[in-house]
N, C-alpha and C. Protein backbone atom coordinates (compact mmCIF):
# COMPACT_ATOMS: atom_id res chain seq x y z
N MET A 1 -21.23 -97.45 170.31
CA MET A 1 -21.40 -98.87 170.02
C MET A 1 -22.03 -98.72 168.88
N GLU A 2 -21.34 -99.11 167.97
CA GLU A 2 -22.51 -99.25 166.72
C GLU A 2 -23.66 -100.87 166.56
N PRO A 3 -24.54 -100.66 166.32
CA PRO A 3 -25.43 -102.10 166.22
C PRO A 3 -25.03 -102.49 165.37
N ARG A 4 -24.90 -103.91 164.79
CA ARG A 4 -24.40 -104.76 163.94
C ARG A 4 -25.91 -104.73 162.62
N GLN A 5 -25.16 -104.91 161.60
CA GLN A 5 -26.01 -105.25 160.44
C GLN A 5 -27.26 -106.26 160.68
N GLY A 6 -28.30 -106.00 160.78
CA GLY A 6 -29.74 -106.16 160.93
C GLY A 6 -30.37 -106.58 162.39
N GLU A 7 -29.78 -105.92 163.75
CA GLU A 7 -29.74 -105.84 164.85
C GLU A 7 -31.12 -105.21 164.89
N VAL A 8 -32.02 -105.17 165.41
CA VAL A 8 -33.03 -104.86 165.90
C VAL A 8 -32.93 -103.40 167.04
N ILE A 9 -33.28 -102.28 166.96
CA ILE A 9 -32.95 -100.88 167.51
C ILE A 9 -34.57 -100.66 168.19
N GLU A 10 -34.29 -100.61 169.54
CA GLU A 10 -35.95 -100.44 170.13
C GLU A 10 -35.56 -99.20 170.84
N PHE A 11 -36.77 -98.27 170.69
CA PHE A 11 -36.93 -97.09 170.96
C PHE A 11 -38.31 -96.73 171.63
N ASP A 12 -38.57 -96.05 172.15
CA ASP A 12 -40.02 -95.45 172.30
C ASP A 12 -40.53 -94.03 171.65
N TYR A 13 -41.53 -94.38 170.79
CA TYR A 13 -41.94 -93.01 169.88
C TYR A 13 -43.56 -93.22 170.51
N GLY A 14 -43.70 -92.16 171.24
CA GLY A 14 -44.76 -90.92 171.44
C GLY A 14 -45.31 -92.06 172.50
N HIS A 15 -44.35 -92.91 173.28
CA HIS A 15 -44.68 -94.05 174.51
C HIS A 15 -44.95 -95.18 173.54
N VAL A 16 -44.82 -95.36 172.32
CA VAL A 16 -45.63 -96.31 171.61
C VAL A 16 -43.79 -97.72 171.51
N PRO A 17 -44.01 -98.75 172.16
CA PRO A 17 -42.16 -99.07 171.64
C PRO A 17 -42.23 -99.31 170.64
N THR A 18 -41.51 -99.05 169.79
CA THR A 18 -40.93 -99.10 168.35
C THR A 18 -39.27 -99.98 167.97
N GLU A 19 -39.38 -100.86 167.06
CA GLU A 19 -38.17 -101.43 166.64
C GLU A 19 -38.10 -101.19 165.15
N GLU A 20 -36.95 -100.86 165.09
CA GLU A 20 -36.18 -101.01 163.71
C GLU A 20 -34.73 -101.33 163.55
N THR A 21 -35.01 -101.60 162.06
CA THR A 21 -32.69 -101.95 162.15
C THR A 21 -31.94 -100.93 161.96
N PRO A 22 -30.83 -101.11 161.86
CA PRO A 22 -30.03 -100.06 160.96
C PRO A 22 -30.38 -99.44 160.40
N GLU A 23 -30.19 -100.70 159.24
CA GLU A 23 -30.42 -100.42 157.93
C GLU A 23 -32.27 -99.11 157.31
N THR A 24 -32.91 -99.42 158.03
CA THR A 24 -34.10 -98.43 158.12
C THR A 24 -34.24 -96.82 158.28
N LEU A 25 -33.23 -96.67 159.16
CA LEU A 25 -33.03 -95.65 159.98
C LEU A 25 -31.15 -95.18 159.38
N ARG A 26 -30.62 -95.27 158.68
CA ARG A 26 -29.52 -94.26 158.41
C ARG A 26 -29.79 -93.67 157.18
N VAL A 27 -28.95 -92.94 157.24
CA VAL A 27 -28.87 -91.51 156.09
C VAL A 27 -27.40 -91.21 155.92
N SER A 28 -26.92 -90.80 154.96
CA SER A 28 -25.31 -90.20 154.87
C SER A 28 -25.42 -88.87 155.56
N GLN A 29 -23.69 -88.55 155.66
CA GLN A 29 -23.86 -87.74 156.27
C GLN A 29 -24.10 -86.41 155.83
N LYS A 30 -24.17 -86.48 154.25
CA LYS A 30 -24.54 -85.18 153.43
C LYS A 30 -25.75 -84.83 153.82
N VAL A 31 -26.95 -85.82 153.86
CA VAL A 31 -28.41 -85.59 153.94
C VAL A 31 -28.52 -85.26 155.45
N ALA A 32 -27.80 -85.90 156.19
CA ALA A 32 -28.02 -85.47 157.88
C ALA A 32 -27.95 -84.07 158.04
N ARG A 33 -27.22 -83.52 157.67
CA ARG A 33 -26.71 -82.05 157.52
C ARG A 33 -27.59 -81.14 156.94
N GLU A 34 -27.63 -81.06 155.38
CA GLU A 34 -29.04 -80.99 155.18
C GLU A 34 -30.30 -80.71 155.75
N ALA A 35 -30.17 -82.00 156.02
CA ALA A 35 -31.93 -81.88 157.34
C ALA A 35 -31.51 -81.16 158.75
N ALA A 36 -30.49 -81.29 159.05
CA ALA A 36 -30.30 -80.62 160.46
C ALA A 36 -30.51 -78.71 159.88
N ARG A 37 -29.65 -78.78 158.26
CA ARG A 37 -29.94 -77.21 158.40
C ARG A 37 -31.69 -77.04 157.95
N GLU A 38 -32.13 -77.48 157.12
CA GLU A 38 -33.36 -77.25 156.90
C GLU A 38 -34.29 -76.91 158.12
N PHE A 39 -34.25 -78.22 159.12
CA PHE A 39 -34.97 -77.59 160.45
C PHE A 39 -34.51 -76.66 161.00
N VAL A 40 -33.23 -76.88 161.14
CA VAL A 40 -33.37 -75.15 162.00
C VAL A 40 -33.54 -74.27 161.18
N ARG A 41 -33.49 -73.78 159.90
CA ARG A 41 -34.06 -72.59 159.28
C ARG A 41 -35.95 -72.53 158.86
N THR A 42 -36.35 -74.23 158.99
CA THR A 42 -37.95 -73.72 158.99
C THR A 42 -38.77 -74.37 160.15
N GLY A 43 -37.87 -75.10 161.22
CA GLY A 43 -38.53 -75.56 162.46
C GLY A 43 -39.35 -76.68 161.75
N GLN A 44 -39.50 -77.34 160.63
CA GLN A 44 -40.14 -77.79 160.56
C GLN A 44 -39.81 -79.85 159.97
N ARG A 45 -39.85 -80.54 159.86
CA ARG A 45 -39.76 -81.91 158.97
C ARG A 45 -38.95 -81.73 158.06
N PRO A 46 -37.61 -81.85 157.55
CA PRO A 46 -36.85 -81.99 156.57
C PRO A 46 -37.49 -82.22 155.26
N THR A 47 -37.77 -82.33 154.22
CA THR A 47 -38.24 -82.47 153.28
C THR A 47 -37.20 -83.68 152.70
N CYS A 48 -35.96 -83.44 152.66
CA CYS A 48 -35.13 -84.50 152.01
C CYS A 48 -35.09 -85.52 152.86
N LEU A 49 -35.62 -85.84 153.33
CA LEU A 49 -35.68 -87.37 154.28
C LEU A 49 -37.24 -87.68 154.23
N SER A 50 -37.33 -89.02 153.46
CA SER A 50 -38.91 -89.63 153.75
C SER A 50 -39.14 -90.11 155.22
N TRP A 51 -40.39 -90.08 155.54
CA TRP A 51 -41.36 -89.88 156.83
C TRP A 51 -41.80 -90.98 156.59
N GLY A 52 -42.10 -91.44 157.87
CA GLY A 52 -43.09 -93.11 157.50
C GLY A 52 -44.19 -92.26 158.50
N SER A 53 -45.18 -93.06 158.71
CA SER A 53 -46.40 -93.01 159.42
C SER A 53 -46.19 -94.04 160.22
N ALA A 54 -46.50 -93.38 161.48
CA ALA A 54 -46.59 -94.05 163.14
C ALA A 54 -47.19 -95.41 163.13
């Protein structure tokens, strides 16, 4: 089931309830694959994604 545009997604981030919208979390298939390859290769957060602070 896909969230509707603007619908809030709630999840637990380090035991902190967190809300985001689908628009702030989406990446393209190409970037997702690139990120997965980089993570498997390095074991680190992929540099092709921007990471916000908690």
